[in-house]
PDB file of N, CA and C in Angstrom:
ATOM      1  N   MET A   1       0.915  -1.278  -0.165  1.00  0.00           N
ATOM      2  CA  MET A   1       0.048  -0.005   0.020  1.00  0.00           C
ATOM      3  C   MET A   1       0.939   1.206  -0.101  1.00  0.00           C
ATOM      4  N   GLU A   2       1.884   1.371   0.945  1.00  0.00           N
ATOM      5  CA  GLU A   2       2.881   2.214   0.561  1.00  0.00           C
ATOM      6  C   GLU A   2       3.353   2.687  -0.532  1.00  0.00           C
ATOM      7  N   SER A   3       3.796   1.639  -1.491  1.00  0.00           N
ATOM      8  CA  SER A   3       4.188   1.680  -2.922  1.00  0.00           C
ATOM      9  C   SER A   3       3.012   2.609  -3.809  1.00  0.00           C
ATOM     10  N   LEU A   4       1.773   2.268  -3.465  1.00  0.00           N
ATOM     11  CA  LEU A   4       0.809   2.979  -4.353  1.00  0.00           C
ATOM     12  C   LEU A   4       0.698   4.413  -3.928  1.00  0.00           C
ATOM     13  N   CYS A   5       0.677   4.614  -2.621  1.00  0.00           N
ATOM     14  CA  CYS A   5       0.938   6.158  -2.116  1.00  0.00           C
ATOM     15  C   CYS A   5       1.737   6.761  -2.769  1.00  0.00           C
ATOM     16  N   ARG A   6       2.929   6.450  -2.696  1.00  0.00           N
ATOM     17  CA  ARG A   6       4.287   7.119  -3.332  1.00  0.00           C
ATOM     18  C   ARG A   6       3.927   7.173  -4.540  1.00  0.00           C
ATOM     19  N   LEU A   7       3.665   6.172  -5.663  1.00  0.00           N
ATOM     20  CA  LEU A   7       3.357   6.259  -6.902  1.00  0.00           C
ATOM     21  C   LEU A   7       2.115   7.325  -7.124  1.00  0.00           C
ATOM     22  N   ALA A   8       1.325   7.445  -6.254  1.00  0.00           N
ATOM     23  CA  ALA A   8       0.221   8.700  -6.558  1.00  0.00           C
ATOM     24  C   ALA A   8       0.943   9.684  -6.318  1.00  0.00           C
ATOM     25  N   GLN A   9       1.702   9.858  -5.352  1.00  0.00           N
ATOM     26  CA  GLN A   9       2.430  11.415  -5.124  1.00  0.00           C
ATOM     27  C   GLN A   9       3.313  11.736  -6.368  1.00  0.00           C
ATOM     28  N   VAL A  10       4.125  10.907  -6.924  1.00  0.00           N
ATOM     29  CA  VAL A  10       4.909  11.140  -7.982  1.00  0.00           C
ATOM     30  C   VAL A  10       3.881  11.517  -8.940  1.00  0.00           C
ATOM     31  N   LEU A  11       3.043  10.867  -9.491  1.00  0.00           N
ATOM     32  CA  LEU A  11       2.089  11.310 -10.436  1.00  0.00           C
ATOM     33  C   LEU A  11       1.235  12.548 -10.181  1.00  0.00           C
ATOM     34  N   SER A  12       1.039  12.696  -8.963  1.00  0.00           N
ATOM     35  CA  SER A  12       0.407  13.916  -8.367  1.00  0.00           C
ATOM     36  C   SER A  12       1.166  15.312  -8.947  1.00  0.00           C
ATOM     37  N   LEU A  13       2.278  15.191  -8.418  1.00  0.00           N
ATOM     38  CA  LEU A  13       3.514  16.259  -8.621  1.00  0.00           C
ATOM     39  C   LEU A  13       3.891  16.134 -10.111  1.00  0.00           C
ATOM     40  N   ALA A  14       3.691  15.368 -11.060  1.00  0.00           N
ATOM     41  CA  ALA A  14       4.150  15.335 -12.261  1.00  0.00           C
ATOM     42  C   ALA A  14       2.877  15.583 -12.978  1.00  0.00           C
ATOM     43  N   GLY A  15       1.858  15.649 -12.365  1.00  0.00           N
ATOM     44  CA  GLY A  15       0.655  16.172 -13.130  1.00  0.00           C
ATOM     45  C   GLY A  15       0.449  17.580 -13.470  1.00  0.00           C
ATOM     46  N   ASN A  16       1.375  18.366 -12.917  1.00  0.00           N
ATOM     47  CA  ASN A  16       1.269  19.952 -12.976  1.00  0.00           C
ATOM     48  C   ASN A  16       2.249  19.922 -14.232  1.00  0.00           C
ATOM     49  N   LYS A  17       1.888  20.970 -15.178  1.00  0.00           N
ATOM     50  CA  LYS A  17       2.537  21.360 -16.457  1.00  0.00           C
ATOM     51  C   LYS A  17       3.682  21.723 -16.255  1.00  0.00           C
ATOM     52  N   VAL A  18       4.005  22.418 -15.417  1.00  0.00           N
ATOM     53  CA  VAL A  18       5.439  23.429 -14.983  1.00  0.00           C
ATOM     54  C   VAL A  18       6.218  22.259 -14.501  1.00  0.00           C
ATOM     55  N   ARG A  19       5.897  21.369 -13.543  1.00  0.00           N
ATOM     56  CA  ARG A  19       6.777  20.670 -13.000  1.00  0.00           C
ATOM     57  C   ARG A  19       7.175  19.416 -13.904  1.00  0.00           C
ATOM     58  N   LEU A  20       6.243  19.106 -14.704  1.00  0.00           N
ATOM     59  CA  LEU A  20       6.153  18.142 -15.498  1.00  0.00           C
ATOM     60  C   LEU A  20       7.202  18.538 -16.706  1.00  0.00           C
ATOM     61  N   ARG A  21       7.375  19.715 -17.149  1.00  0.00           N
ATOM     62  CA  ARG A  21       8.404  20.256 -17.967  1.00  0.00           C
ATOM     63  C   ARG A  21       9.595  20.304 -17.431  1.00  0.00           C
ATOM     64  N   ILE A  22       9.920  20.874 -16.022  1.00  0.00           N
ATOM     65  CA  ILE A  22      11.091  20.971 -15.231  1.00  0.00           C
ATOM     66  C   ILE A  22      11.570  19.433 -15.201  1.00  0.00           C
ATOM     67  N   LEU A  23      10.714  18.441 -14.781  1.00  0.00           N
ATOM     68  CA  LEU A  23      11.311  17.065 -14.990  1.00  0.00           C
ATOM     69  C   LEU A  23      11.819  16.628 -16.337  1.00  0.00           C
ATOM     70  N   TYR A  24      11.183  16.871 -17.088  1.00  0.00           N
ATOM     71  CA  TYR A  24      11.714  16.584 -18.774  1.00  0.00           C
ATOM     72  C   TYR A  24      12.845  17.026 -19.051  1.00  0.00           C
ATOM     73  N   LEU A  25      13.265  18.518 -18.676  1.00  0.00           N
ATOM     74  CA  LEU A  25      14.262  19.121 -19.091  1.00  0.00           C
ATOM     75  C   LEU A  25      15.609  18.497 -18.176  1.00  0.00           C
ATOM     76  N   LEU A  26      15.200  18.189 -16.973  1.00  0.00           N
ATOM     77  CA  LEU A  26      16.325  17.850 -16.042  1.00  0.00           C
ATOM     78  C   LEU A  26      16.795  16.245 -16.519  1.00  0.00           C
ATOM     79  N   LYS A  27      15.885  15.485 -17.145  1.00  0.00           N
ATOM     80  CA  LYS A  27      16.098  14.162 -17.540  1.00  0.00           C
ATOM     81  C   LYS A  27      16.866  14.347 -19.021  1.00  0.00           C
ATOM     82  N   LYS A  28      16.468  15.315 -19.505  1.00  0.00           N
ATOM     83  CA  LYS A  28      17.181  15.649 -20.834  1.00  0.00           C
ATOM     84  C   LYS A  28      18.659  16.161 -20.809  1.00  0.00           C
ATOM     85  N   GLU A  29      18.396  16.919 -19.933  1.00  0.00           N
ATOM     86  CA  GLU A  29      20.008  17.828 -19.589  1.00  0.00           C
ATOM     87  C   GLU A  29      20.886  17.095 -18.821  1.00  0.00           C
ATOM     88  N   SER A  30      20.488  16.456 -17.809  1.00  0.00           N
ATOM     89  CA  SER A  30      20.890  15.593 -16.419  1.00  0.00           C
ATOM     90  C   SER A  30      20.997  16.431 -15.503  1.00  0.00           C
ATOM     91  N   LYS A  31      21.525  17.967 -15.511  1.00  0.00           N
ATOM     92  CA  LYS A  31      21.264  18.620 -14.346  1.00  0.00           C
ATOM     93  C   LYS A  31      21.169  20.202 -14.783  1.00  0.00           C
ATOM     94  N   MET A  32      20.561  20.890 -13.968  1.00  0.00           N
ATOM     95  CA  MET A  32      20.121  22.268 -14.464  1.00  0.00           C
ATOM     96  C   MET A  32      20.183  23.150 -13.161  1.00  0.00           C
ATOM     97  N   CYS A  33      20.380  24.469 -13.303  1.00  0.00           N
ATOM     98  CA  CYS A  33      19.927  25.576 -12.349  1.00  0.00           C
ATOM     99  C   CYS A  33      18.543  26.242 -12.473  1.00  0.00           C
ATOM    100  N   PRO A  34      17.966  26.788 -11.403  1.00  0.00           N
ATOM    101  CA  PRO A  34      16.940  27.392 -11.547  1.00  0.00           C
ATOM    102  C   PRO A  34      17.152  28.594 -12.542  1.00  0.00           C
ATOM    103  N   CYS A  35      18.049  29.204 -12.743  1.00  0.00           N
ATOM    104  CA  CYS A  35      18.215  30.216 -13.713  1.00  0.00           C
ATOM    105  C   CYS A  35      17.970  29.606 -15.156  1.00  0.00           C
ATOM    106  N   ASP A  36      18.483  28.720 -15.452  1.00  0.00           N
ATOM    107  CA  ASP A  36      18.436  28.246 -16.482  1.00  0.00           C
ATOM    108  C   ASP A  36      17.365  27.621 -16.844  1.00  0.00           C
ATOM    109  N   LEU A  37      16.467  27.023 -16.108  1.00  0.00           N
ATOM    110  CA  LEU A  37      15.032  26.683 -16.028  1.00  0.00           C
ATOM    111  C   LEU A  37      14.106  27.912 -16.132  1.00  0.00           C
ATOM    112  N   SER A  38      14.390  29.028 -15.641  1.00  0.00           N
ATOM    113  CA  SER A  38      13.580  30.117 -15.641  1.00  0.00           C
ATOM    114  C   SER A  38      13.536  30.701 -17.114  1.00  0.00           C
ATOM    115  N   ASP A  39      15.166  30.599 -17.665  1.00  0.00           N
ATOM    116  CA  ASP A  39      15.084  31.168 -19.241  1.00  0.00           C
ATOM    117  C   ASP A  39      14.364  30.397 -20.252  1.00  0.00           C
ATOM    118  N   ILE A  40      14.506  29.000 -19.994  1.00  0.00           N
ATOM    119  CA  ILE A  40      13.826  28.102 -20.979  1.00  0.00           C
ATOM    120  C   ILE A  40      12.200  28.116 -20.931  1.00  0.00           C
ATOM    121  N   LEU A  41      11.697  28.091 -19.556  1.00  0.00           N
ATOM    122  CA  LEU A  41      10.336  28.136 -19.228  1.00  0.00           C
ATOM    123  C   LEU A  41       9.530  29.680 -19.232  1.00  0.00           C
ATOM    124  N   ALA A  42      10.562  30.661 -19.373  1.00  0.00           N
ATOM    125  CA  ALA A  42      10.223  31.960 -19.612  1.00  0.00           C
ATOM    126  C   ALA A  42       9.203  32.210 -18.090  1.00  0.00           C
ATOM    127  N   MET A  43       9.615  31.839 -17.089  1.00  0.00           N
ATOM    128  CA  MET A  43       9.117  32.073 -15.716  1.00  0.00           C
ATOM    129  C   MET A  43      10.290  32.730 -14.686  1.00  0.00           C
ATOM    130  N   ALA A  44       9.601  33.351 -13.385  1.00  0.00           N
ATOM    131  CA  ALA A  44      10.724  33.720 -12.761  1.00  0.00           C
ATOM    132  C   ALA A  44      11.233  32.957 -11.966  1.00  0.00           C
ATOM    133  N   VAL A  45      12.476  33.323 -11.596  1.00  0.00           N
ATOM    134  CA  VAL A  45      13.510  32.000 -10.789  1.00  0.00           C
ATOM    135  C   VAL A  45      12.607  31.775  -9.611  1.00  0.00           C
ATOM    136  N   PRO A  46      12.078  32.790  -8.686  1.00  0.00           N
ATOM    137  CA  PRO A  46      11.321  32.147  -7.506  1.00  0.00           C
ATOM    138  C   PRO A  46      10.156  31.364  -7.890  1.00  0.00           C
ATOM    139  N   ALA A  47       9.421  31.421  -8.979  1.00  0.00           N
ATOM    140  CA  ALA A  47       8.343  30.267  -9.379  1.00  0.00           C
ATOM    141  C   ALA A  47       8.972  29.040  -9.838  1.00  0.00           C
ATOM    142  N   ILE A  48      10.157  29.245 -10.229  1.00  0.00           N
ATOM    143  CA  ILE A  48      10.809  27.877 -10.659  1.00  0.00           C
ATOM    144  C   ILE A  48      11.219  27.224  -9.525  1.00  0.00           C
ATOM    145  N   SER A  49      11.918  27.928  -8.614  1.00  0.00           N
ATOM    146  CA  SER A  49      12.483  27.391  -7.363  1.00  0.00           C
ATOM    147  C   SER A  49      11.340  27.009  -6.337  1.00  0.00           C
ATOM    148  N   GLN A  50       9.969  27.367  -6.611  1.00  0.00           N
ATOM    149  CA  GLN A  50       8.795  26.692  -5.458  1.00  0.00           C
ATOM    150  C   GLN A  50       8.631  25.647  -6.231  1.00  0.00           C
ATOM    151  N   HIS A  51       8.533  25.051  -7.381  1.00  0.00           N
ATOM    152  CA  HIS A  51       8.431  23.976  -8.145  1.00  0.00           C
ATOM    153  C   HIS A  51       9.386  23.162  -7.778  1.00  0.00           C
ATOM    154  N   LEU A  52      10.829  23.589  -7.782  1.00  0.00           N
ATOM    155  CA  LEU A  52      11.738  22.679  -7.383  1.00  0.00           C
ATOM    156  C   LEU A  52      11.757  22.168  -6.105  1.00  0.00           C
ATOM    157  N   ARG A  53      11.429  23.012  -5.323  1.00  0.00           N
ATOM    158  CA  ARG A  53      11.245  22.642  -3.861  1.00  0.00           C
ATOM    159  C   ARG A  53      10.302  21.516  -3.538  1.00  0.00           C
ATOM    160  N   LYS A  54       9.053  21.829  -4.299  1.00  0.00           N
ATOM    161  CA  LYS A  54       8.168  20.661  -3.995  1.00  0.00           C
ATOM    162  C   LYS A  54       8.739  19.242  -4.605  1.00  0.00           C
ATOM    163  N   LEU A  55       9.711  19.274  -5.928  1.00  0.00           N
ATOM    164  CA  LEU A  55       9.878  18.262  -6.359  1.00  0.00           C
ATOM    165  C   LEU A  55      11.108  17.589  -5.545  1.00  0.00           C
ATOM    166  N   LYS A  56      12.022  18.322  -4.955  1.00  0.00           N
ATOM    167  CA  LYS A  56      12.808  17.974  -3.814  1.00  0.00           C
ATOM    168  C   LYS A  56      12.236  17.308  -2.515  1.00  0.00           C
ATOM    169  N   ASP A  57      11.402  18.111  -2.157  1.00  0.00           N
ATOM    170  CA  ASP A  57      10.685  17.728  -0.883  1.00  0.00           C
ATOM    171  C   ASP A  57      10.075  16.080  -1.041  1.00  0.00           C
ATOM    172  N   ALA A  58       9.534  15.860  -1.997  1.00  0.00           N
ATOM    173  CA  ALA A  58       8.994  14.685  -2.460  1.00  0.00           C
ATOM    174  C   ALA A  58      10.104  13.429  -2.794  1.00  0.00           C
ATOM    175  N   GLY A  59      11.197  14.048  -2.950  1.00  0.00           N
ATOM    176  CA  GLY A  59      12.391  13.002  -3.443  1.00  0.00           C
ATOM    177  C   GLY A  59      12.703  12.714  -4.804  1.00  0.00           C
ATOM    178  N   LEU A  60      11.976  13.697  -5.736  1.00  0.00           N
ATOM    179  CA  LEU A  60      12.173  13.314  -6.972  1.00  0.00           C
ATOM    180  C   LEU A  60      13.330  13.984  -7.618  1.00  0.00           C
ATOM    181  N   VAL A  61      13.918  15.241  -7.119  1.00  0.00           N
ATOM    182  CA  VAL A  61      15.097  15.625  -7.629  1.00  0.00           C
ATOM    183  C   VAL A  61      16.033  15.679  -6.545  1.00  0.00           C
ATOM    184  N   GLU A  62      17.134  15.900  -6.783  1.00  0.00           N
ATOM    185  CA  GLU A  62      18.326  16.081  -5.725  1.00  0.00           C
ATOM    186  C   GLU A  62      19.212  17.305  -6.157  1.00  0.00           C
ATOM    187  N   THR A  63      19.859  17.780  -5.315  1.00  0.00           N
ATOM    188  CA  THR A  63      20.654  18.907  -5.567  1.00  0.00           C
ATOM    189  C   THR A  63      22.150  18.787  -5.246  1.00  0.00           C
ATOM    190  N   ASN A  64      22.836  19.501  -6.048  1.00  0.00           N
ATOM    191  CA  ASN A  64      24.279  19.645  -6.217  1.00  0.00           C
ATOM    192  C   ASN A  64      24.806  21.097  -6.230  1.00  0.00           C
ATOM    193  N   LYS A  65      25.480  21.414  -5.053  1.00  0.00           N
ATOM    194  CA  LYS A  65      26.003  22.952  -4.929  1.00  0.00           C
ATOM    195  C   LYS A  65      27.472  22.825  -5.714  1.00  0.00           C
ATOM    196  N   VAL A  66      27.424  23.843  -6.643  1.00  0.00           N
ATOM    197  CA  VAL A  66      28.938  23.944  -7.158  1.00  0.00           C
ATOM    198  C   VAL A  66      29.204  25.502  -6.994  1.00  0.00           C
ATOM    199  N   GLY A  67      29.912  25.964  -6.258  1.00  0.00           N
ATOM    200  CA  GLY A  67      30.060  27.347  -5.947  1.00  0.00           C
ATOM    201  C   GLY A  67      29.149  27.832  -5.255  1.00  0.00           C
ATOM    202  N   GLN A  68      28.307  28.930  -5.796  1.00  0.00           N
ATOM    203  CA  GLN A  68      27.214  29.368  -5.174  1.00  0.00           C
ATOM    204  C   GLN A  68      25.886  29.019  -5.922  1.00  0.00           C
ATOM    205  N   THR A  69      26.149  28.247  -7.085  1.00  0.00           N
ATOM    206  CA  THR A  69      25.137  27.672  -8.022  1.00  0.00           C
ATOM    207  C   THR A  69      24.385  26.273  -7.461  1.00  0.00           C
ATOM    208  N   ILE A  70      23.305  26.099  -7.439  1.00  0.00           N
ATOM    209  CA  ILE A  70      22.764  24.935  -6.936  1.00  0.00           C
ATOM    210  C   ILE A  70      22.160  24.321  -8.422  1.00  0.00           C
ATOM    211  N   PHE A  71      22.716  22.977  -8.496  1.00  0.00           N
ATOM    212  CA  PHE A  71      22.191  22.257  -9.768  1.00  0.00           C
ATOM    213  C   PHE A  71      21.127  21.328  -9.285  1.00  0.00           C
ATOM    214  N   TYR A  72      20.184  21.095 -10.105  1.00  0.00           N
ATOM    215  CA  TYR A  72      19.191  20.131  -9.783  1.00  0.00           C
ATOM    216  C   TYR A  72      19.102  19.211 -10.832  1.00  0.00           C
ATOM    217  N   SER A  73      19.028  17.568 -10.329  1.00  0.00           N
ATOM    218  CA  SER A  73      18.899  16.556 -11.250  1.00  0.00           C
ATOM    219  C   SER A  73      17.931  15.764 -10.841  1.00  0.00           C
ATOM    220  N   ILE A  74      17.448  14.788 -11.626  1.00  0.00           N
ATOM    221  CA  ILE A  74      16.504  13.814 -11.318  1.00  0.00           C
ATOM    222  C   ILE A  74      17.079  12.703 -10.471  1.00  0.00           C
ATOM    223  N   PHE A  75      16.522  12.233  -9.276  1.00  0.00           N
ATOM    224  CA  PHE A  75      16.893  11.370  -8.252  1.00  0.00           C
ATOM    225  C   PHE A  75      16.740  10.023  -8.999  1.00  0.00           C
ATOM    226  N   GLU A  76      17.790   9.444  -9.352  1.00  0.00           N
ATOM    227  CA  GLU A  76      18.057   8.225 -10.133  1.00  0.00           C
ATOM    228  C   GLU A  76      16.754   7.070  -9.643  1.00  0.00           C
ATOM    229  N   SER A  77      16.759   6.834  -8.439  1.00  0.00           N
ATOM    230  CA  SER A  77      15.826   5.962  -8.111  1.00  0.00           C
ATOM    231  C   SER A  77      14.228   6.152  -8.561  1.00  0.00           C
ATOM    232  N   LYS A  78      13.845   7.326  -8.902  1.00  0.00           N
ATOM    233  CA  LYS A  78      12.685   7.709  -9.146  1.00  0.00           C
ATOM    234  C   LYS A  78      12.551   7.384 -10.715  1.00  0.00           C
ATOM    235  N   ASN A  79      13.660   7.536 -11.365  1.00  0.00           N
ATOM    236  CA  ASN A  79      13.730   7.333 -12.712  1.00  0.00           C
ATOM    237  C   ASN A  79      12.923   6.323 -13.564  1.00  0.00           C
ATOM    238  N   PRO A  80      12.894   5.258 -12.894  1.00  0.00           N
ATOM    239  CA  PRO A  80      12.018   4.031 -13.289  1.00  0.00           C
ATOM    240  C   PRO A  80      10.494   4.668 -13.617  1.00  0.00           C
ATOM    241  N   VAL A  81       9.948   5.424 -12.487  1.00  0.00           N
ATOM    242  CA  VAL A  81       8.452   5.726 -12.557  1.00  0.00           C
ATOM    243  C   VAL A  81       8.345   6.743 -13.556  1.00  0.00           C
ATOM    244  N   LEU A  82       9.225   7.701 -13.615  1.00  0.00           N
ATOM    245  CA  LEU A  82       8.905   8.749 -14.705  1.00  0.00           C
ATOM    246  C   LEU A  82       9.519   8.444 -15.899  1.00  0.00           C
ATOM    247  N   SER A  83      10.430   7.382 -16.331  1.00  0.00           N
ATOM    248  CA  SER A  83      10.728   7.247 -17.627  1.00  0.00           C
ATOM    249  C   SER A  83       9.418   6.823 -18.654  1.00  0.00           C
ATOM    250  N   PRO A  84       8.749   6.268 -18.379  1.00  0.00           N
ATOM    251  CA  PRO A  84       7.474   5.875 -19.483  1.00  0.00           C
ATOM    252  C   PRO A  84       7.174   7.223 -19.743  1.00  0.00           C
ATOM    253  N   ILE A  85       6.776   7.978 -18.613  1.00  0.00           N
ATOM    254  CA  ILE A  85       5.980   9.386 -18.943  1.00  0.00           C
ATOM    255  C   ILE A  85       6.832  10.138 -19.977  1.00  0.00           C
ATOM    256  N   PHE A  86       8.224  10.115 -19.726  1.00  0.00           N
ATOM    257  CA  PHE A  86       9.060  10.915 -20.539  1.00  0.00           C
ATOM    258  C   PHE A  86       8.996  10.571 -22.041  1.00  0.00           C
ATOM    259  N   LYS A  87       8.986   8.956 -22.186  1.00  0.00           N
ATOM    260  CA  LYS A  87       8.997   8.395 -23.342  1.00  0.00           C
ATOM    261  C   LYS A  87       7.712   8.755 -24.028  1.00  0.00           C
ATOM    262  N   PHE A  88       6.652   8.738 -23.535  1.00  0.00           N
ATOM    263  CA  PHE A  88       5.332   9.017 -24.112  1.00  0.00           C
ATOM    264  C   PHE A  88       5.122  10.398 -24.468  1.00  0.00           C
ATOM    265  N   LEU A  89       5.855  11.388 -23.597  1.00  0.00           N
ATOM    266  CA  LEU A  89       5.906  12.741 -24.205  1.00  0.00           C
ATOM    267  C   LEU A  89       6.769  13.196 -25.247  1.00  0.00           C
ATOM    268  N   HIS A  90       7.873  12.432 -25.360  1.00  0.00           N
ATOM    269  CA  HIS A  90       8.763  12.558 -26.484  1.00  0.00           C
ATOM    270  C   HIS A  90       8.260  12.074 -27.786  1.00  0.00           C
ATOM    271  N   SER A  91       7.659  10.841 -27.654  1.00  0.00           N
ATOM    272  CA  SER A  91       6.797  10.209 -28.703  1.00  0.00           C
ATOM    273  C   SER A  91       5.702  11.089 -29.333  1.00  0.00           C
ATOM    274  N   GLU A  92       5.079  11.690 -28.646  1.00  0.00           N
ATOM    275  CA  GLU A  92       3.869  12.587 -28.790  1.00  0.00           C
ATOM    276  C   GLU A  92       4.307  13.997 -29.027  1.00  0.00           C
ATOM    277  N   ASN A  93       5.384  14.302 -28.712  1.00  0.00           N
ATOM    278  CA  ASN A  93       5.836  15.745 -28.976  1.00  0.00           C
ATOM    279  C   ASN A  93       4.797  16.725 -28.405  1.00  0.00           C
ATOM    280  N   LEU A  94       4.635  16.443 -27.139  1.00  0.00           N
ATOM    281  CA  LEU A  94       3.615  17.201 -26.528  1.00  0.00           C
ATOM    282  C   LEU A  94       4.205  18.142 -25.327  1.00  0.00           C
ATOM    283  N   LEU A  95       5.253  17.995 -24.946  1.00  0.00           N
ATOM    284  CA  LEU A  95       5.855  18.848 -23.794  1.00  0.00           C
ATOM    285  C   LEU A  95       5.746  20.307 -24.037  1.00  0.00           C
ATOM    286  N   PHE A  96       6.347  20.832 -25.061  1.00  0.00           N
ATOM    287  CA  PHE A  96       6.292  22.250 -25.357  1.00  0.00           C
ATOM    288  C   PHE A  96       5.345  22.820 -26.135  1.00  0.00           C
ATOM    289  N   SER A  97       4.108  22.421 -26.316  1.00  0.00           N
ATOM    290  CA  SER A  97       3.025  22.624 -27.147  1.00  0.00           C
ATOM    291  C   SER A  97       2.340  23.474 -26.413  1.00  0.00           C
TER     292      SER A  97
END
């Protein structure tokens, strides 16, 4: 039952269009900082940071600080859950429509 709850949490977070785009970009680029995500998604850095915080709190992304810059990447153990979603989005070319 715990696995089902965890899956529901992952799908709920990924169900948000902005967070899904963030996750897809992190998968594609392997790691990114909030400022780069902000530029690509044409959103303010604080808004991106709020989404990243939710993803980090849920254990979907991890951080790595290099100097003063924090880079985010997908937490590898969550990749199997997200991979089919990314594959579908890529095949349907839906993500940035």
